Amino acid sequence: VAQQRAEIAAICAETEPSWANTVEALEISGAIL
């Protein structure tokens, strides 16, 4: 849970959202869970 929350925070901190750093990053997130 902590890992994925940090990953979501990193996605939302991107200054120039893109498919790779938003949707693909979301798809990759949560590996431990």
PDB file of all heavy atoms in Angstrom:
ATOM      1  N   VAL A   1       0.838  -1.199   0.000  1.00  0.00           N
ATOM      2  CA  VAL A   1       0.000   0.000   0.000  1.00  0.00           C
ATOM      3  C   VAL A   1       0.872   1.247   0.000  1.00  0.00           C
ATOM      4  O   VAL A   1       0.648   2.197  -0.763  1.00  0.00           O
ATOM      5  CB  VAL A   1      -0.961  -0.015   1.205  1.00  0.00           C
ATOM      6  CG1 VAL A   1      -1.621   1.348   1.391  1.00  0.00           C
ATOM      7  CG2 VAL A   1      -2.029  -1.098   1.030  1.00  0.00           C
ATOM      8  N   ALA A   2       1.883   1.249   0.861  1.00  0.00           N
ATOM      9  CA  ALA A   2       2.785   2.409   0.929  1.00  0.00           C
ATOM     10  C   ALA A   2       3.514   2.603  -0.400  1.00  0.00           C
ATOM     11  O   ALA A   2       3.664   3.738  -0.879  1.00  0.00           O
ATOM     12  CB  ALA A   2       3.786   2.217   2.067  1.00  0.00           C
ATOM     13  N   GLN A   3       3.973   1.507  -1.001  1.00  0.00           N
ATOM     14  CA  GLN A   3       4.676   1.605  -2.278  1.00  0.00           C
ATOM     15  C   GLN A   3       3.785   2.207  -3.354  1.00  0.00           C
ATOM     16  O   GLN A   3       4.183   3.136  -4.074  1.00  0.00           O
ATOM     17  CB  GLN A   3       5.146   0.223  -2.724  1.00  0.00           C
ATOM     18  CG  GLN A   3       5.872   0.227  -4.072  1.00  0.00           C
ATOM     19  CD  GLN A   3       5.966  -1.159  -4.693  1.00  0.00           C
ATOM     20  OE1 GLN A   3       4.965  -1.856  -4.836  1.00  0.00           O
ATOM     21  NE2 GLN A   3       7.178  -1.564  -5.043  1.00  0.00           N
ATOM     22  N   GLN A   4       2.552   1.709  -3.466  1.00  0.00           N
ATOM     23  CA  GLN A   4       1.699   2.202  -4.543  1.00  0.00           C
ATOM     24  C   GLN A   4       1.265   3.638  -4.294  1.00  0.00           C
ATOM     25  O   GLN A   4       1.137   4.423  -5.246  1.00  0.00           O
ATOM     26  CB  GLN A   4       0.477   1.297  -4.734  1.00  0.00           C
ATOM     27  CG  GLN A   4      -0.246   1.598  -6.045  1.00  0.00           C
ATOM     28  CD  GLN A   4      -1.228   0.535  -6.439  1.00  0.00           C
ATOM     29  OE1 GLN A   4      -1.861  -0.096  -5.597  1.00  0.00           O
ATOM     30  NE2 GLN A   4      -1.387   0.330  -7.741  1.00  0.00           N
ATOM     31  N   ARG A   5       1.063   4.017  -3.063  1.00  0.00           N
ATOM     32  CA  ARG A   5       0.723   5.422  -2.790  1.00  0.00           C
ATOM     33  C   ARG A   5       1.876   6.340  -3.194  1.00  0.00           C
ATOM     34  O   ARG A   5       1.648   7.430  -3.740  1.00  0.00           O
ATOM     35  CB  ARG A   5       0.364   5.602  -1.314  1.00  0.00           C
ATOM     36  CG  ARG A   5      -0.991   4.980  -0.973  1.00  0.00           C
ATOM     37  CD  ARG A   5      -1.473   5.331   0.422  1.00  0.00           C
ATOM     38  NE  ARG A   5      -2.799   4.779   0.647  1.00  0.00           N
ATOM     39  CZ  ARG A   5      -3.845   5.458   1.087  1.00  0.00           C
ATOM     40  NH1 ARG A   5      -3.731   6.752   1.345  1.00  0.00           N
ATOM     41  NH2 ARG A   5      -5.009   4.872   1.286  1.00  0.00           N
ATOM     42  N   ALA A   6       3.097   5.888  -2.951  1.00  0.00           N
ATOM     43  CA  ALA A   6       4.249   6.685  -3.374  1.00  0.00           C
ATOM     44  C   ALA A   6       4.333   6.753  -4.891  1.00  0.00           C
ATOM     45  O   ALA A   6       4.667   7.805  -5.474  1.00  0.00           O
ATOM     46  CB  ALA A   6       5.535   6.086  -2.790  1.00  0.00           C
ATOM     47  N   GLU A   7       4.015   5.651  -5.546  1.00  0.00           N
ATOM     48  CA  GLU A   7       4.044   5.633  -7.012  1.00  0.00           C
ATOM     49  C   GLU A   7       2.976   6.554  -7.597  1.00  0.00           C
ATOM     50  O   GLU A   7       3.219   7.242  -8.597  1.00  0.00           O
ATOM     51  CB  GLU A   7       3.843   4.196  -7.505  1.00  0.00           C
ATOM     52  CG  GLU A   7       5.045   3.301  -7.222  1.00  0.00           C
ATOM     53  CD  GLU A   7       4.747   1.823  -7.392  1.00  0.00           C
ATOM     54  OE1 GLU A   7       3.566   1.429  -7.255  1.00  0.00           O
ATOM     55  OE2 GLU A   7       5.691   1.048  -7.654  1.00  0.00           O
ATOM     56  N   ILE A   8       1.798   6.593  -6.984  1.00  0.00           N
ATOM     57  CA  ILE A   8       0.740   7.488  -7.467  1.00  0.00           C
ATOM     58  C   ILE A   8       1.145   8.949  -7.248  1.00  0.00           C
ATOM     59  O   ILE A   8       0.900   9.819  -8.101  1.00  0.00           O
ATOM     60  CB  ILE A   8      -0.595   7.179  -6.764  1.00  0.00           C
ATOM     61  CG1 ILE A   8      -1.026   5.744  -7.050  1.00  0.00           C
ATOM     62  CG2 ILE A   8      -1.675   8.159  -7.201  1.00  0.00           C
ATOM     63  CD1 ILE A   8      -1.056   5.345  -8.494  1.00  0.00           C
ATOM     64  N   ALA A   9       1.784   9.213  -6.116  1.00  0.00           N
ATOM     65  CA  ALA A   9       2.264  10.574  -5.855  1.00  0.00           C
ATOM     66  C   ALA A   9       3.275  11.006  -6.913  1.00  0.00           C
ATOM     67  O   ALA A   9       3.267  12.160  -7.378  1.00  0.00           O
ATOM     68  CB  ALA A   9       2.884  10.652  -4.458  1.00  0.00           C
ATOM     69  N   ALA A  10       4.133  10.078  -7.314  1.00  0.00           N
ATOM     70  CA  ALA A  10       5.126  10.391  -8.345  1.00  0.00           C
ATOM     71  C   ALA A  10       4.452  10.655  -9.688  1.00  0.00           C
ATOM     72  O   ALA A  10       4.864  11.561 -10.434  1.00  0.00           O
ATOM     73  CB  ALA A  10       6.125   9.242  -8.462  1.00  0.00           C
ATOM     74  N   ILE A  11       3.424   9.904 -10.016  1.00  0.00           N
ATOM     75  CA  ILE A  11       2.681  10.135 -11.259  1.00  0.00           C
ATOM     76  C   ILE A  11       2.078  11.532 -11.251  1.00  0.00           C
ATOM     77  O   ILE A  11       2.155  12.282 -12.242  1.00  0.00           O
ATOM     78  CB  ILE A  11       1.580   9.072 -11.427  1.00  0.00           C
ATOM     79  CG1 ILE A  11       2.196   7.702 -11.703  1.00  0.00           C
ATOM     80  CG2 ILE A  11       0.611   9.458 -12.554  1.00  0.00           C
ATOM     81  CD1 ILE A  11       1.195   6.552 -11.690  1.00  0.00           C
ATOM     82  N   CYS A  12       1.484  11.909 -10.136  1.00  0.00           N
ATOM     83  CA  CYS A  12       0.800  13.204 -10.045  1.00  0.00           C
ATOM     84  C   CYS A  12       1.776  14.376  -9.941  1.00  0.00           C
ATOM     85  O   CYS A  12       1.361  15.538 -10.090  1.00  0.00           O
ATOM     86  CB  CYS A  12      -0.162  13.203  -8.858  1.00  0.00           C
ATOM     87  SG  CYS A  12      -1.538  12.044  -9.060  1.00  0.00           S
ATOM     88  N   ALA A  13       3.047  14.083  -9.676  1.00  0.00           N
ATOM     89  CA  ALA A  13       4.048  15.150  -9.590  1.00  0.00           C
ATOM     90  C   ALA A  13       4.689  15.467 -10.939  1.00  0.00           C
ATOM     91  O   ALA A  13       5.433  16.453 -11.059  1.00  0.00           O
ATOM     92  CB  ALA A  13       5.133  14.750  -8.582  1.00  0.00           C
ATOM     93  N   GLU A  14       4.402  14.655 -11.936  1.00  0.00           N
ATOM     94  CA  GLU A  14       4.977  14.893 -13.262  1.00  0.00           C
ATOM     95  C   GLU A  14       4.458  16.225 -13.823  1.00  0.00           C
ATOM     96  O   GLU A  14       3.251  16.460 -13.859  1.00  0.00           O
ATOM     97  CB  GLU A  14       4.609  13.759 -14.214  1.00  0.00           C
ATOM     98  CG  GLU A  14       5.284  12.437 -13.910  1.00  0.00           C
ATOM     99  CD  GLU A  14       6.729  12.411 -14.334  1.00  0.00           C
ATOM    100  OE1 GLU A  14       7.170  13.361 -15.017  1.00  0.00           O
ATOM    101  OE2 GLU A  14       7.432  11.441 -13.990  1.00  0.00           O
ATOM    102  N   THR A  15       5.384  17.055 -14.263  1.00  0.00           N
ATOM    103  CA  THR A  15       4.974  18.372 -14.777  1.00  0.00           C
ATOM    104  C   THR A  15       4.412  18.294 -16.191  1.00  0.00           C
ATOM    105  O   THR A  15       3.634  19.161 -16.600  1.00  0.00           O
ATOM    106  CB  THR A  15       6.166  19.341 -14.767  1.00  0.00           C
ATOM    107  OG1 THR A  15       7.242  18.762 -15.518  1.00  0.00           O
ATOM    108  CG2 THR A  15       6.624  19.601 -13.336  1.00  0.00           C
ATOM    109  N   GLU A  16       4.789  17.270 -16.945  1.00  0.00           N
ATOM    110  CA  GLU A  16       4.282  17.098 -18.303  1.00  0.00           C
ATOM    111  C   GLU A  16       3.706  15.689 -18.439  1.00  0.00           C
ATOM    112  O   GLU A  16       4.401  14.757 -18.847  1.00  0.00           O
ATOM    113  CB  GLU A  16       5.391  17.322 -19.333  1.00  0.00           C
ATOM    114  CG  GLU A  16       5.934  18.746 -19.336  1.00  0.00           C
ATOM    115  CD  GLU A  16       6.974  18.958 -20.422  1.00  0.00           C
ATOM    116  OE1 GLU A  16       7.124  18.048 -21.280  1.00  0.00           O
ATOM    117  OE2 GLU A  16       7.637  20.001 -20.420  1.00  0.00           O
ATOM    118  N   PRO A  17       2.433  15.509 -18.081  1.00  0.00           N
ATOM    119  CA  PRO A  17       1.820  14.177 -18.131  1.00  0.00           C
ATOM    120  C   PRO A  17       1.866  13.595 -19.541  1.00  0.00           C
ATOM    121  O   PRO A  17       1.622  14.293 -20.526  1.00  0.00           O
ATOM    122  CB  PRO A  17       0.377  14.430 -17.689  1.00  0.00           C
ATOM    123  CG  PRO A  17       0.426  15.723 -16.942  1.00  0.00           C
ATOM    124  CD  PRO A  17       1.497  16.536 -17.589  1.00  0.00           C
ATOM    125  N   SER A  18       2.187  12.323 -19.620  1.00  0.00           N
ATOM    126  CA  SER A  18       2.221  11.621 -20.900  1.00  0.00           C
ATOM    127  C   SER A  18       1.631  10.229 -20.696  1.00  0.00           C
ATOM    128  O   SER A  18       1.389   9.794 -19.569  1.00  0.00           O
ATOM    129  CB  SER A  18       3.660  11.499 -21.411  1.00  0.00           C
ATOM    130  OG  SER A  18       4.407  10.640 -20.558  1.00  0.00           O
ATOM    131  N   TRP A  19       1.421   9.536 -21.798  1.00  0.00           N
ATOM    132  CA  TRP A  19       0.912   8.171 -21.701  1.00  0.00           C
ATOM    133  C   TRP A  19       1.861   7.300 -20.883  1.00  0.00           C
ATOM    134  O   TRP A  19       1.438   6.529 -20.016  1.00  0.00           O
ATOM    135  CB  TRP A  19       0.740   7.601 -23.107  1.00  0.00           C
ATOM    136  CG  TRP A  19       0.215   6.197 -23.142  1.00  0.00           C
ATOM    137  CD1 TRP A  19       0.917   5.054 -23.364  1.00  0.00           C
ATOM    138  CD2 TRP A  19      -1.151   5.798 -22.946  1.00  0.00           C
ATOM    139  NE1 TRP A  19       0.086   3.961 -23.319  1.00  0.00           N
ATOM    140  CE2 TRP A  19      -1.196   4.393 -23.069  1.00  0.00           C
ATOM    141  CE3 TRP A  19      -2.330   6.494 -22.683  1.00  0.00           C
ATOM    142  CZ2 TRP A  19      -2.373   3.667 -22.932  1.00  0.00           C
ATOM    143  CZ3 TRP A  19      -3.513   5.767 -22.556  1.00  0.00           C
ATOM    144  CH2 TRP A  19      -3.528   4.372 -22.670  1.00  0.00           C
ATOM    145  N   ALA A  20       3.165   7.443 -21.118  1.00  0.00           N
ATOM    146  CA  ALA A  20       4.146   6.603 -20.430  1.00  0.00           C
ATOM    147  C   ALA A  20       4.212   6.910 -18.943  1.00  0.00           C
ATOM    148  O   ALA A  20       4.226   5.994 -18.110  1.00  0.00           O
ATOM    149  CB  ALA A  20       5.524   6.775 -21.068  1.00  0.00           C
ATOM    150  N   ASN A  21       4.251   8.216 -18.576  1.00  0.00           N
ATOM    151  CA  ASN A  21       4.435   8.518 -17.153  1.00  0.00           C
ATOM    152  C   ASN A  21       3.120   8.596 -16.383  1.00  0.00           C
ATOM    153  O   ASN A  21       3.121   8.862 -15.176  1.00  0.00           O
ATOM    154  CB  ASN A  21       5.270   9.788 -16.956  1.00  0.00           C
ATOM    155  CG  ASN A  21       4.573  11.053 -17.447  1.00  0.00           C
ATOM    156  OD1 ASN A  21       3.353  11.169 -17.444  1.00  0.00           O
ATOM    157  ND2 ASN A  21       5.376  12.036 -17.878  1.00  0.00           N
ATOM    158  N   THR A  22       2.000   8.370 -17.069  1.00  0.00           N
ATOM    159  CA  THR A  22       0.708   8.373 -16.375  1.00  0.00           C
ATOM    160  C   THR A  22       0.060   6.986 -16.448  1.00  0.00           C
ATOM    161  O   THR A  22       0.030   6.258 -15.460  1.00  0.00           O
ATOM    162  CB  THR A  22      -0.232   9.433 -16.982  1.00  0.00           C
ATOM    163  OG1 THR A  22       0.398  10.711 -16.902  1.00  0.00           O
ATOM    164  CG2 THR A  22      -1.553   9.470 -16.232  1.00  0.00           C
ATOM    165  N   VAL A  23      -0.434   6.609 -17.605  1.00  0.00           N
ATOM    166  CA  VAL A  23      -1.173   5.349 -17.723  1.00  0.00           C
ATOM    167  C   VAL A  23      -0.250   4.142 -17.578  1.00  0.00           C
ATOM    168  O   VAL A  23      -0.544   3.209 -16.823  1.00  0.00           O
ATOM    169  CB  VAL A  23      -1.935   5.303 -19.055  1.00  0.00           C
ATOM    170  CG1 VAL A  23      -2.551   3.928 -19.279  1.00  0.00           C
ATOM    171  CG2 VAL A  23      -3.018   6.377 -19.069  1.00  0.00           C
ATOM    172  N   GLU A  24       0.879   4.150 -18.291  1.00  0.00           N
ATOM    173  CA  GLU A  24       1.778   3.004 -18.180  1.00  0.00           C
ATOM    174  C   GLU A  24       2.397   2.923 -16.787  1.00  0.00           C
ATOM    175  O   GLU A  24       2.592   1.823 -16.255  1.00  0.00           O
ATOM    176  CB  GLU A  24       2.847   3.060 -19.265  1.00  0.00           C
ATOM    177  CG  GLU A  24       2.270   2.832 -20.661  1.00  0.00           C
ATOM    178  CD  GLU A  24       3.324   2.634 -21.724  1.00  0.00           C
ATOM    179  OE1 GLU A  24       4.498   3.016 -21.482  1.00  0.00           O
ATOM    180  OE2 GLU A  24       2.987   2.100 -22.800  1.00  0.00           O
ATOM    181  N   ALA A  25       2.665   4.078 -16.191  1.00  0.00           N
ATOM    182  CA  ALA A  25       3.178   4.061 -14.819  1.00  0.00           C
ATOM    183  C   ALA A  25       2.141   3.502 -13.854  1.00  0.00           C
ATOM    184  O   ALA A  25       2.477   2.778 -12.907  1.00  0.00           O
ATOM    185  CB  ALA A  25       3.593   5.471 -14.403  1.00  0.00           C
ATOM    186  N   LEU A  26       0.869   3.807 -14.072  1.00  0.00           N
ATOM    187  CA  LEU A  26      -0.200   3.248 -13.240  1.00  0.00           C
ATOM    188  C   LEU A  26      -0.291   1.738 -13.436  1.00  0.00           C
ATOM    189  O   LEU A  26      -0.474   0.988 -12.463  1.00  0.00           O
ATOM    190  CB  LEU A  26      -1.533   3.915 -13.596  1.00  0.00           C
ATOM    191  CG  LEU A  26      -2.783   3.403 -12.861  1.00  0.00           C
ATOM    192  CD1 LEU A  26      -2.633   3.543 -11.349  1.00  0.00           C
ATOM    193  CD2 LEU A  26      -4.027   4.146 -13.354  1.00  0.00           C
ATOM    194  N   GLU A  27      -0.166   1.275 -14.656  1.00  0.00           N
ATOM    195  CA  GLU A  27      -0.212  -0.166 -14.935  1.00  0.00           C
ATOM    196  C   GLU A  27       0.914  -0.915 -14.224  1.00  0.00           C
ATOM    197  O   GLU A  27       0.720  -2.046 -13.770  1.00  0.00           O
ATOM    198  CB  GLU A  27      -0.109  -0.411 -16.441  1.00  0.00           C
ATOM    199  CG  GLU A  27      -1.388  -0.205 -17.204  1.00  0.00           C
ATOM    200  CD  GLU A  27      -2.374  -1.330 -16.971  1.00  0.00           C
ATOM    201  OE1 GLU A  27      -2.231  -2.407 -17.570  1.00  0.00           O
ATOM    202  OE2 GLU A  27      -3.295  -1.137 -16.161  1.00  0.00           O
ATOM    203  N   ILE A  28       2.071  -0.303 -14.139  1.00  0.00           N
ATOM    204  CA  ILE A  28       3.224  -0.958 -13.518  1.00  0.00           C
ATOM    205  C   ILE A  28       3.150  -0.903 -11.997  1.00  0.00           C
ATOM    206  O   ILE A  28       3.697  -1.759 -11.298  1.00  0.00           O
ATOM    207  CB  ILE A  28       4.531  -0.297 -14.012  1.00  0.00           C
ATOM    208  CG1 ILE A  28       4.732  -0.586 -15.506  1.00  0.00           C
ATOM    209  CG2 ILE A  28       5.738  -0.766 -13.229  1.00  0.00           C
ATOM    210  CD1 ILE A  28       5.852   0.219 -16.135  1.00  0.00           C
ATOM    211  N   SER A  29       2.464   0.063 -11.453  1.00  0.00           N
ATOM    212  CA  SER A  29       2.467   0.296 -10.002  1.00  0.00           C
ATOM    213  C   SER A  29       1.841  -0.871  -9.241  1.00  0.00           C
ATOM    214  O   SER A  29       1.089  -1.665  -9.798  1.00  0.00           O
ATOM    215  CB  SER A  29       1.707   1.585  -9.678  1.00  0.00           C
ATOM    216  OG  SER A  29       0.310   1.420  -9.879  1.00  0.00           O
ATOM    217  N   GLY A  30       2.191  -0.953  -7.946  1.00  0.00           N
ATOM    218  CA  GLY A  30       1.565  -1.941  -7.062  1.00  0.00           C
ATOM    219  C   GLY A  30       2.140  -3.333  -7.147  1.00  0.00           C
ATOM    220  O   GLY A  30       1.440  -4.311  -6.864  1.00  0.00           O
ATOM    221  N   ALA A  31       3.413  -3.476  -7.477  1.00  0.00           N
ATOM    222  CA  ALA A  31       4.006  -4.805  -7.674  1.00  0.00           C
ATOM    223  C   ALA A  31       3.978  -5.642  -6.395  1.00  0.00           C
ATOM    224  O   ALA A  31       3.698  -6.843  -6.431  1.00  0.00           O
ATOM    225  CB  ALA A  31       5.439  -4.666  -8.181  1.00  0.00           C
ATOM    226  N   ILE A  32       4.281  -5.025  -5.264  1.00  0.00           N
ATOM    227  CA  ILE A  32       4.278  -5.787  -4.004  1.00  0.00           C
ATOM    228  C   ILE A  32       2.872  -6.287  -3.690  1.00  0.00           C
ATOM    229  O   ILE A  32       2.678  -7.441  -3.283  1.00  0.00           O
ATOM    230  CB  ILE A  32       4.829  -4.935  -2.848  1.00  0.00           C
ATOM    231  CG1 ILE A  32       6.307  -4.629  -3.064  1.00  0.00           C
ATOM    232  CG2 ILE A  32       4.637  -5.651  -1.504  1.00  0.00           C
ATOM    233  CD1 ILE A  32       6.905  -3.709  -2.010  1.00  0.00           C
ATOM    234  N   LEU A  33       1.880  -5.430  -3.883  1.00  0.00           N
ATOM    235  CA  LEU A  33       0.499  -5.846  -3.629  1.00  0.00           C
ATOM    236  C   LEU A  33       0.101  -7.012  -4.532  1.00  0.00           C
ATOM    237  O   LEU A  33      -0.569  -7.950  -4.090  1.00  0.00           O
ATOM    238  CB  LEU A  33      -0.460  -4.679  -3.855  1.00  0.00           C
ATOM    239  CG  LEU A  33      -0.600  -3.669  -2.722  1.00  0.00           C
ATOM    240  CD1 LEU A  33      -1.569  -2.562  -3.127  1.00  0.00           C
ATOM    241  CD2 LEU A  33      -1.078  -4.343  -1.441  1.00  0.00           C
TER     242      LEU A  33
END
